[in-house]
């Protein structure tokens, strides 16, 4: 049975992720949010330390990561296990964490509004802040996770 958007997962095509550490880092990409895990799929990242600045562009299968994830989610035969396995294999090998298991998080806070963001704190890591840029996405994300809590 195909996964149901809004029930089994949320997909946001415009997301910014920042990492608070000694090196300033920001990434643009998309996010797939399931009841158990938030997956951030980077498209481009920016980092700086003192006078050095780096930019990295990402691709999946040689193409646009957002389109690749959209095509994955459109598959009729996709299951929760298949989604987790596919995204974990694509993102798990990177030196930067892009997979956030919510049960392991020290802190998960979601705020809406103009300055709204999702704050993620994983054990032994710096705080990450994820800003959903899709129209209505912050409210949709908060409602999705609030419904799981009740």
N, C-alpha and C. Protein backbone atom coordinates (compact mmCIF):
# COMPACT_ATOMS: atom_id res chain seq x y z
N UNK A 1 0.84 -1.18 0.00
CA UNK A 1 0.00 0.00 0.00
C UNK A 1 0.89 1.25 0.00
N UNK A 2 0.55 2.20 -0.82
CA UNK A 2 1.34 3.43 -0.95
C UNK A 2 1.26 4.25 0.34
N UNK A 3 2.34 4.95 0.61
CA UNK A 3 2.36 5.84 1.76
C UNK A 3 1.43 7.02 1.51
N UNK A 4 0.84 7.52 2.59
CA UNK A 4 -0.12 8.62 2.49
C UNK A 4 0.54 9.91 2.98
N UNK A 5 0.68 10.91 2.09
CA UNK A 5 1.24 12.20 2.53
C UNK A 5 0.35 12.82 3.61
N UNK A 6 0.96 13.38 4.62
CA UNK A 6 0.21 14.01 5.70
C UNK A 6 -0.14 13.05 6.82
N UNK A 7 -0.08 11.75 6.54
CA UNK A 7 -0.33 10.73 7.56
C UNK A 7 0.94 9.94 7.85
N UNK A 8 1.56 9.43 6.80
CA UNK A 8 2.78 8.63 6.95
C UNK A 8 4.04 9.47 6.88
N UNK A 9 3.97 10.59 6.20
CA UNK A 9 5.14 11.46 6.04
C UNK A 9 4.71 12.85 5.60
N UNK A 10 5.63 13.79 5.74
CA UNK A 10 5.50 15.12 5.16
C UNK A 10 6.73 15.35 4.29
N UNK A 11 6.55 16.04 3.17
CA UNK A 11 7.66 16.37 2.28
C UNK A 11 7.69 17.87 2.09
N UNK A 12 8.83 18.47 2.37
CA UNK A 12 9.02 19.90 2.17
C UNK A 12 10.16 20.10 1.18
N UNK A 13 9.90 20.83 0.11
CA UNK A 13 10.89 20.97 -0.96
C UNK A 13 11.86 22.13 -0.75
N UNK A 14 11.57 23.03 0.19
CA UNK A 14 12.45 24.18 0.45
C UNK A 14 12.71 24.28 1.94
N UNK A 15 13.89 23.84 2.33
CA UNK A 15 14.24 23.82 3.75
C UNK A 15 15.68 24.30 3.92
N UNK A 16 15.92 25.09 4.97
CA UNK A 16 17.27 25.52 5.34
C UNK A 16 17.64 24.85 6.65
N UNK A 17 18.87 24.39 6.77
CA UNK A 17 19.35 23.77 8.00
C UNK A 17 20.64 24.47 8.40
N UNK A 18 20.68 24.94 9.64
CA UNK A 18 21.91 25.56 10.14
C UNK A 18 22.45 24.75 11.30
N UNK A 19 23.75 24.83 11.48
CA UNK A 19 24.42 24.10 12.55
C UNK A 19 25.21 25.11 13.36
N UNK A 20 24.99 25.13 14.63
CA UNK A 20 25.68 26.07 15.50
C UNK A 20 26.94 25.40 16.03
N UNK A 21 28.09 25.83 15.57
CA UNK A 21 29.37 25.28 16.03
C UNK A 21 30.45 26.32 15.78
N UNK A 22 31.70 25.92 15.95
CA UNK A 22 32.80 26.85 15.69
C UNK A 22 32.87 27.22 14.21
N UNK A 23 32.44 26.32 13.35
CA UNK A 23 32.38 26.63 11.92
C UNK A 23 30.93 26.93 11.58
N UNK A 24 30.69 28.08 11.03
CA UNK A 24 29.33 28.44 10.63
C UNK A 24 28.97 27.58 9.42
N UNK A 25 27.82 26.92 9.49
CA UNK A 25 27.41 26.06 8.39
C UNK A 25 25.92 26.21 8.14
N UNK A 26 25.55 26.25 6.87
CA UNK A 26 24.14 26.34 6.49
C UNK A 26 23.96 25.51 5.23
N UNK A 27 22.85 24.78 5.18
CA UNK A 27 22.56 23.97 4.00
C UNK A 27 21.14 24.23 3.53
N UNK A 28 20.96 24.16 2.23
CA UNK A 28 19.63 24.25 1.63
C UNK A 28 19.30 22.89 1.06
N UNK A 29 18.04 22.52 1.15
CA UNK A 29 17.64 21.23 0.62
C UNK A 29 16.16 20.99 0.81
N UNK A 30 15.81 19.73 0.97
CA UNK A 30 14.42 19.34 1.22
C UNK A 30 14.40 18.43 2.44
N UNK A 31 13.21 18.18 2.97
CA UNK A 31 13.09 17.33 4.15
C UNK A 31 11.93 16.37 3.99
N UNK A 32 12.14 15.17 4.48
CA UNK A 32 11.08 14.17 4.60
C UNK A 32 10.94 13.91 6.09
N UNK A 33 9.75 14.15 6.60
CA UNK A 33 9.48 13.97 8.02
C UNK A 33 8.53 12.80 8.20
N UNK A 34 8.97 11.79 8.95
CA UNK A 34 8.11 10.66 9.28
C UNK A 34 7.83 10.73 10.78
N UNK A 35 6.94 9.91 11.30
CA UNK A 35 6.68 9.96 12.74
C UNK A 35 7.92 9.70 13.60
N UNK A 36 8.89 8.94 13.07
CA UNK A 36 10.06 8.58 13.86
C UNK A 36 11.33 9.33 13.51
N UNK A 37 11.44 9.82 12.28
CA UNK A 37 12.71 10.37 11.81
C UNK A 37 12.49 11.60 10.93
N UNK A 38 13.40 12.57 11.04
CA UNK A 38 13.45 13.69 10.09
C UNK A 38 14.69 13.47 9.23
N UNK A 39 14.47 13.41 7.92
CA UNK A 39 15.56 13.27 6.95
C UNK A 39 15.73 14.61 6.25
N UNK A 40 16.93 15.15 6.30
CA UNK A 40 17.23 16.37 5.56
C UNK A 40 18.09 15.97 4.37
N UNK A 41 17.64 16.31 3.17
CA UNK A 41 18.35 15.96 1.94
C UNK A 41 18.98 17.24 1.40
N UNK A 42 20.30 17.37 1.50
CA UNK A 42 20.95 18.62 1.08
C UNK A 42 21.01 18.78 -0.43
N UNK A 43 20.88 20.02 -0.87
CA UNK A 43 21.08 20.39 -2.27
C UNK A 43 22.38 21.18 -2.38
N UNK A 44 22.58 22.09 -1.41
CA UNK A 44 23.78 22.91 -1.40
C UNK A 44 24.09 23.29 0.04
N UNK A 45 25.38 23.28 0.40
CA UNK A 45 25.76 23.70 1.74
C UNK A 45 26.86 24.76 1.66
N UNK A 46 26.88 25.60 2.68
CA UNK A 46 27.83 26.70 2.77
C UNK A 46 28.48 26.62 4.15
N UNK A 47 29.76 26.83 4.21
CA UNK A 47 30.45 26.83 5.49
C UNK A 47 31.56 27.85 5.49
N UNK A 48 31.91 28.34 6.69
CA UNK A 48 33.01 29.28 6.78
C UNK A 48 33.70 29.14 8.13
N UNK A 49 34.98 29.41 8.11
CA UNK A 49 35.80 29.42 9.31
C UNK A 49 36.85 30.49 9.09
N UNK A 50 36.78 31.53 9.88
CA UNK A 50 37.69 32.68 9.75
C UNK A 50 37.57 33.28 8.36
N UNK A 51 38.57 33.11 7.51
CA UNK A 51 38.53 33.73 6.18
C UNK A 51 38.23 32.73 5.06
N UNK A 52 38.09 31.46 5.39
CA UNK A 52 37.83 30.44 4.37
C UNK A 52 36.33 30.16 4.27
N UNK A 53 35.84 30.07 3.06
CA UNK A 53 34.43 29.75 2.81
C UNK A 53 34.37 28.60 1.82
N UNK A 54 33.46 27.65 2.09
CA UNK A 54 33.29 26.52 1.18
C UNK A 54 31.83 26.42 0.75
N UNK A 55 31.63 25.95 -0.46
CA UNK A 55 30.29 25.68 -0.98
C UNK A 55 30.32 24.28 -1.57
N UNK A 56 29.33 23.48 -1.23
CA UNK A 56 29.24 22.12 -1.75
C UNK A 56 27.87 21.93 -2.38
N UNK A 57 27.84 21.38 -3.60
CA UNK A 57 26.58 21.04 -4.26
C UNK A 57 26.43 19.53 -4.23
N UNK A 58 25.21 19.06 -3.97
CA UNK A 58 24.93 17.64 -3.87
C UNK A 58 24.04 17.20 -5.02
N UNK A 59 24.15 15.92 -5.36
CA UNK A 59 23.25 15.35 -6.37
C UNK A 59 22.93 13.92 -5.95
N UNK A 60 21.82 13.41 -6.43
CA UNK A 60 21.44 12.01 -6.22
C UNK A 60 21.30 11.37 -7.59
N UNK A 61 22.11 10.38 -7.85
CA UNK A 61 22.08 9.73 -9.16
C UNK A 61 22.42 10.68 -10.29
N UNK A 62 23.22 11.71 -9.99
CA UNK A 62 23.60 12.69 -10.99
C UNK A 62 22.56 13.76 -11.25
N UNK A 63 21.45 13.72 -10.52
CA UNK A 63 20.38 14.70 -10.74
C UNK A 63 20.05 15.50 -9.49
N UNK A 64 19.00 16.28 -9.60
CA UNK A 64 18.54 17.15 -8.52
C UNK A 64 18.00 16.30 -7.36
N UNK A 65 18.51 16.51 -6.13
CA UNK A 65 18.05 15.73 -4.98
C UNK A 65 16.56 15.90 -4.69
N UNK A 66 16.02 17.11 -4.87
CA UNK A 66 14.60 17.34 -4.58
C UNK A 66 13.73 16.52 -5.54
N UNK A 67 14.09 16.51 -6.81
CA UNK A 67 13.33 15.72 -7.79
C UNK A 67 13.46 14.22 -7.51
N UNK A 68 14.65 13.78 -7.11
CA UNK A 68 14.86 12.36 -6.80
C UNK A 68 14.01 11.92 -5.62
N UNK A 69 13.95 12.73 -4.58
CA UNK A 69 13.14 12.39 -3.41
C UNK A 69 11.65 12.43 -3.77
N UNK A 70 11.24 13.42 -4.55
CA UNK A 70 9.85 13.48 -5.01
C UNK A 70 9.46 12.24 -5.80
N UNK A 71 10.35 11.77 -6.67
CA UNK A 71 10.09 10.55 -7.45
C UNK A 71 10.01 9.33 -6.54
N UNK A 72 10.87 9.27 -5.53
CA UNK A 72 10.82 8.17 -4.57
C UNK A 72 9.48 8.14 -3.86
N UNK A 73 9.03 9.30 -3.38
CA UNK A 73 7.77 9.38 -2.64
C UNK A 73 6.56 9.09 -3.52
N UNK A 74 6.68 9.27 -4.82
CA UNK A 74 5.57 9.03 -5.75
C UNK A 74 5.39 7.54 -6.07
N UNK A 75 6.35 6.72 -5.71
CA UNK A 75 6.26 5.29 -6.01
C UNK A 75 5.10 4.65 -5.26
N UNK A 76 4.28 3.90 -5.98
CA UNK A 76 3.11 3.22 -5.39
C UNK A 76 3.51 2.08 -4.45
N UNK A 77 4.66 1.47 -4.69
CA UNK A 77 5.08 0.32 -3.90
C UNK A 77 5.94 0.70 -2.69
N UNK A 78 6.10 1.98 -2.42
CA UNK A 78 6.95 2.43 -1.32
C UNK A 78 6.29 2.18 0.03
N UNK A 79 7.04 1.58 0.95
CA UNK A 79 6.58 1.34 2.32
C UNK A 79 7.42 2.20 3.27
N UNK A 80 7.00 2.26 4.54
CA UNK A 80 7.79 3.00 5.54
C UNK A 80 9.19 2.42 5.63
N UNK A 81 9.28 1.08 5.63
CA UNK A 81 10.59 0.43 5.71
C UNK A 81 11.44 0.76 4.49
N UNK A 82 10.82 0.73 3.31
CA UNK A 82 11.53 1.05 2.08
C UNK A 82 12.01 2.49 2.05
N UNK A 83 11.16 3.40 2.53
CA UNK A 83 11.53 4.81 2.60
C UNK A 83 12.73 4.99 3.53
N UNK A 84 12.65 4.38 4.72
CA UNK A 84 13.74 4.48 5.69
C UNK A 84 15.03 3.89 5.12
N UNK A 85 14.94 2.71 4.54
CA UNK A 85 16.14 2.06 4.00
C UNK A 85 16.77 2.88 2.88
N UNK A 86 15.94 3.40 1.97
CA UNK A 86 16.45 4.16 0.84
C UNK A 86 17.11 5.46 1.29
N UNK A 87 16.40 6.24 2.12
CA UNK A 87 16.97 7.51 2.58
C UNK A 87 18.19 7.29 3.48
N UNK A 88 18.16 6.26 4.30
CA UNK A 88 19.32 5.97 5.16
C UNK A 88 20.54 5.58 4.33
N UNK A 89 20.34 4.81 3.27
CA UNK A 89 21.48 4.42 2.43
C UNK A 89 22.02 5.61 1.65
N UNK A 90 21.14 6.54 1.26
CA UNK A 90 21.58 7.72 0.52
C UNK A 90 22.29 8.74 1.40
N UNK A 91 21.81 8.90 2.64
CA UNK A 91 22.30 9.97 3.50
C UNK A 91 23.22 9.52 4.62
N UNK A 92 23.19 8.24 4.95
CA UNK A 92 23.91 7.74 6.12
C UNK A 92 25.42 7.72 6.00
N UNK A 93 25.96 7.69 4.79
CA UNK A 93 27.40 7.59 4.61
C UNK A 93 28.13 8.91 4.66
N UNK A 94 27.42 10.02 4.74
CA UNK A 94 28.05 11.34 4.74
C UNK A 94 28.62 11.65 6.11
N UNK A 95 29.69 12.44 6.17
CA UNK A 95 30.28 12.81 7.46
C UNK A 95 29.39 13.77 8.25
N UNK A 96 28.50 14.45 7.57
CA UNK A 96 27.55 15.35 8.23
C UNK A 96 26.27 14.58 8.50
N UNK A 97 25.69 14.79 9.68
CA UNK A 97 24.44 14.11 10.00
C UNK A 97 23.29 14.76 9.23
N UNK A 98 22.56 13.94 8.47
CA UNK A 98 21.36 14.39 7.77
C UNK A 98 20.13 13.61 8.22
N UNK A 99 20.32 12.63 9.08
CA UNK A 99 19.22 11.78 9.57
C UNK A 99 19.07 12.03 11.06
N UNK A 100 17.84 12.37 11.48
CA UNK A 100 17.59 12.73 12.87
C UNK A 100 16.50 11.83 13.46
N UNK A 101 16.89 10.70 14.11
CA UNK A 101 15.89 9.86 14.78
C UNK A 101 15.35 10.61 16.00
N UNK A 102 14.07 10.86 16.02
CA UNK A 102 13.49 11.71 17.06
C UNK A 102 13.56 11.07 18.44
N UNK A 103 13.51 9.75 18.52
CA UNK A 103 13.59 9.08 19.82
C UNK A 103 14.96 9.27 20.48
N UNK A 104 15.99 9.49 19.68
CA UNK A 104 17.35 9.68 20.20
C UNK A 104 17.66 11.14 20.53
N UNK A 105 16.83 12.06 20.09
CA UNK A 105 17.12 13.49 20.24
C UNK A 105 17.02 13.93 21.70
N UNK A 106 17.94 14.79 22.10
CA UNK A 106 17.87 15.41 23.42
C UNK A 106 16.80 16.49 23.45
N UNK A 107 16.61 17.14 22.30
CA UNK A 107 15.61 18.21 22.22
C UNK A 107 15.05 18.28 20.82
N UNK A 108 13.73 18.39 20.74
CA UNK A 108 13.03 18.67 19.49
C UNK A 108 11.98 19.72 19.83
N UNK A 109 12.09 20.88 19.22
CA UNK A 109 11.12 21.96 19.47
C UNK A 109 10.70 22.54 18.14
N UNK A 110 9.40 22.68 17.96
CA UNK A 110 8.87 23.23 16.71
C UNK A 110 8.08 24.49 17.01
N UNK A 111 8.44 25.55 16.31
CA UNK A 111 7.75 26.82 16.48
C UNK A 111 7.30 27.31 15.12
N UNK A 112 6.14 27.94 15.09
CA UNK A 112 5.60 28.47 13.85
C UNK A 112 5.78 29.98 13.83
N UNK A 113 5.26 30.61 12.81
CA UNK A 113 5.36 32.06 12.68
C UNK A 113 6.52 32.46 11.79
N UNK A 114 6.69 33.76 11.63
CA UNK A 114 7.70 34.29 10.72
C UNK A 114 9.11 33.81 11.09
N UNK A 115 9.41 33.78 12.38
CA UNK A 115 10.73 33.34 12.84
C UNK A 115 10.70 31.89 13.32
N UNK A 116 9.66 31.14 12.95
CA UNK A 116 9.51 29.76 13.40
C UNK A 116 10.55 28.84 12.80
N UNK A 117 10.89 27.81 13.58
CA UNK A 117 11.88 26.84 13.13
C UNK A 117 11.74 25.57 13.96
N UNK A 118 12.38 24.53 13.50
CA UNK A 118 12.48 23.28 14.25
C UNK A 118 13.90 23.21 14.80
N UNK A 119 14.00 23.06 16.11
CA UNK A 119 15.30 22.95 16.77
C UNK A 119 15.54 21.49 17.10
N UNK A 120 16.69 20.98 16.68
CA UNK A 120 17.06 19.58 16.91
C UNK A 120 18.39 19.54 17.65
N UNK A 121 18.45 18.78 18.73
CA UNK A 121 19.70 18.60 19.48
C UNK A 121 19.90 17.11 19.67
N UNK A 122 20.92 16.58 19.01
CA UNK A 122 21.25 15.16 19.12
C UNK A 122 22.37 15.01 20.16
N UNK A 123 22.46 13.87 20.84
CA UNK A 123 23.49 13.68 21.87
C UNK A 123 24.90 13.89 21.33
N UNK A 124 25.69 14.68 22.04
CA UNK A 124 27.08 14.92 21.67
C UNK A 124 27.27 15.82 20.46
N UNK A 125 26.22 16.47 19.99
CA UNK A 125 26.32 17.32 18.81
C UNK A 125 25.82 18.73 19.12
N UNK A 126 26.16 19.64 18.25
CA UNK A 126 25.68 21.01 18.37
C UNK A 126 24.20 21.08 17.95
N UNK A 127 23.56 22.15 18.33
CA UNK A 127 22.16 22.37 17.98
C UNK A 127 22.03 22.59 16.48
N UNK A 128 20.99 22.02 15.88
CA UNK A 128 20.65 22.25 14.48
C UNK A 128 19.31 22.98 14.45
N UNK A 129 19.19 23.88 13.51
CA UNK A 129 17.92 24.59 13.33
C UNK A 129 17.47 24.39 11.89
N UNK A 130 16.24 23.93 11.73
CA UNK A 130 15.68 23.67 10.42
C UNK A 130 14.51 24.63 10.19
N UNK A 131 14.58 25.37 9.10
CA UNK A 131 13.53 26.33 8.76
C UNK A 131 12.85 25.85 7.48
N UNK A 132 11.57 25.55 7.59
CA UNK A 132 10.78 25.11 6.43
C UNK A 132 10.33 26.35 5.68
N UNK A 133 10.69 26.45 4.41
CA UNK A 133 10.35 27.61 3.60
C UNK A 133 9.09 27.42 2.76
N UNK A 134 8.59 26.19 2.65
CA UNK A 134 7.35 25.94 1.91
C UNK A 134 6.21 26.70 2.59
N UNK A 135 5.33 27.31 1.81
CA UNK A 135 4.22 28.08 2.37
C UNK A 135 3.34 27.17 3.24
N UNK A 136 3.14 27.57 4.48
CA UNK A 136 2.33 26.80 5.42
C UNK A 136 3.04 25.60 6.01
N UNK A 137 4.29 25.39 5.65
CA UNK A 137 5.02 24.20 6.07
C UNK A 137 5.30 24.12 7.56
N UNK A 138 5.61 25.25 8.18
CA UNK A 138 5.91 25.24 9.61
C UNK A 138 4.69 24.78 10.41
N UNK A 139 3.52 25.32 10.05
CA UNK A 139 2.28 24.93 10.74
C UNK A 139 1.94 23.47 10.47
N UNK A 140 2.14 23.04 9.22
CA UNK A 140 1.85 21.66 8.84
C UNK A 140 2.75 20.69 9.61
N UNK A 141 4.03 21.02 9.71
CA UNK A 141 4.97 20.18 10.44
C UNK A 141 4.64 20.10 11.92
N UNK A 142 4.34 21.24 12.53
CA UNK A 142 3.99 21.26 13.95
C UNK A 142 2.72 20.47 14.21
N UNK A 143 1.70 20.64 13.35
CA UNK A 143 0.44 19.91 13.52
C UNK A 143 0.65 18.40 13.37
N UNK A 144 1.52 18.01 12.43
CA UNK A 144 1.82 16.59 12.20
C UNK A 144 2.39 15.95 13.46
N UNK A 145 3.39 16.59 14.05
CA UNK A 145 4.02 16.03 15.24
C UNK A 145 3.17 16.22 16.50
N UNK A 146 2.40 17.29 16.59
CA UNK A 146 1.49 17.47 17.72
C UNK A 146 0.43 16.37 17.73
N UNK A 147 -0.08 15.99 16.54
CA UNK A 147 -1.09 14.94 16.44
C UNK A 147 -0.52 13.59 16.90
N UNK A 148 0.75 13.36 16.68
CA UNK A 148 1.37 12.11 17.12
C UNK A 148 1.51 12.05 18.64
N UNK A 149 1.64 13.22 19.27
CA UNK A 149 1.79 13.28 20.73
C UNK A 149 0.48 13.00 21.46
N UNK A 150 -0.64 13.29 20.80
CA UNK A 150 -1.94 13.13 21.49
C UNK A 150 -2.53 11.77 21.30
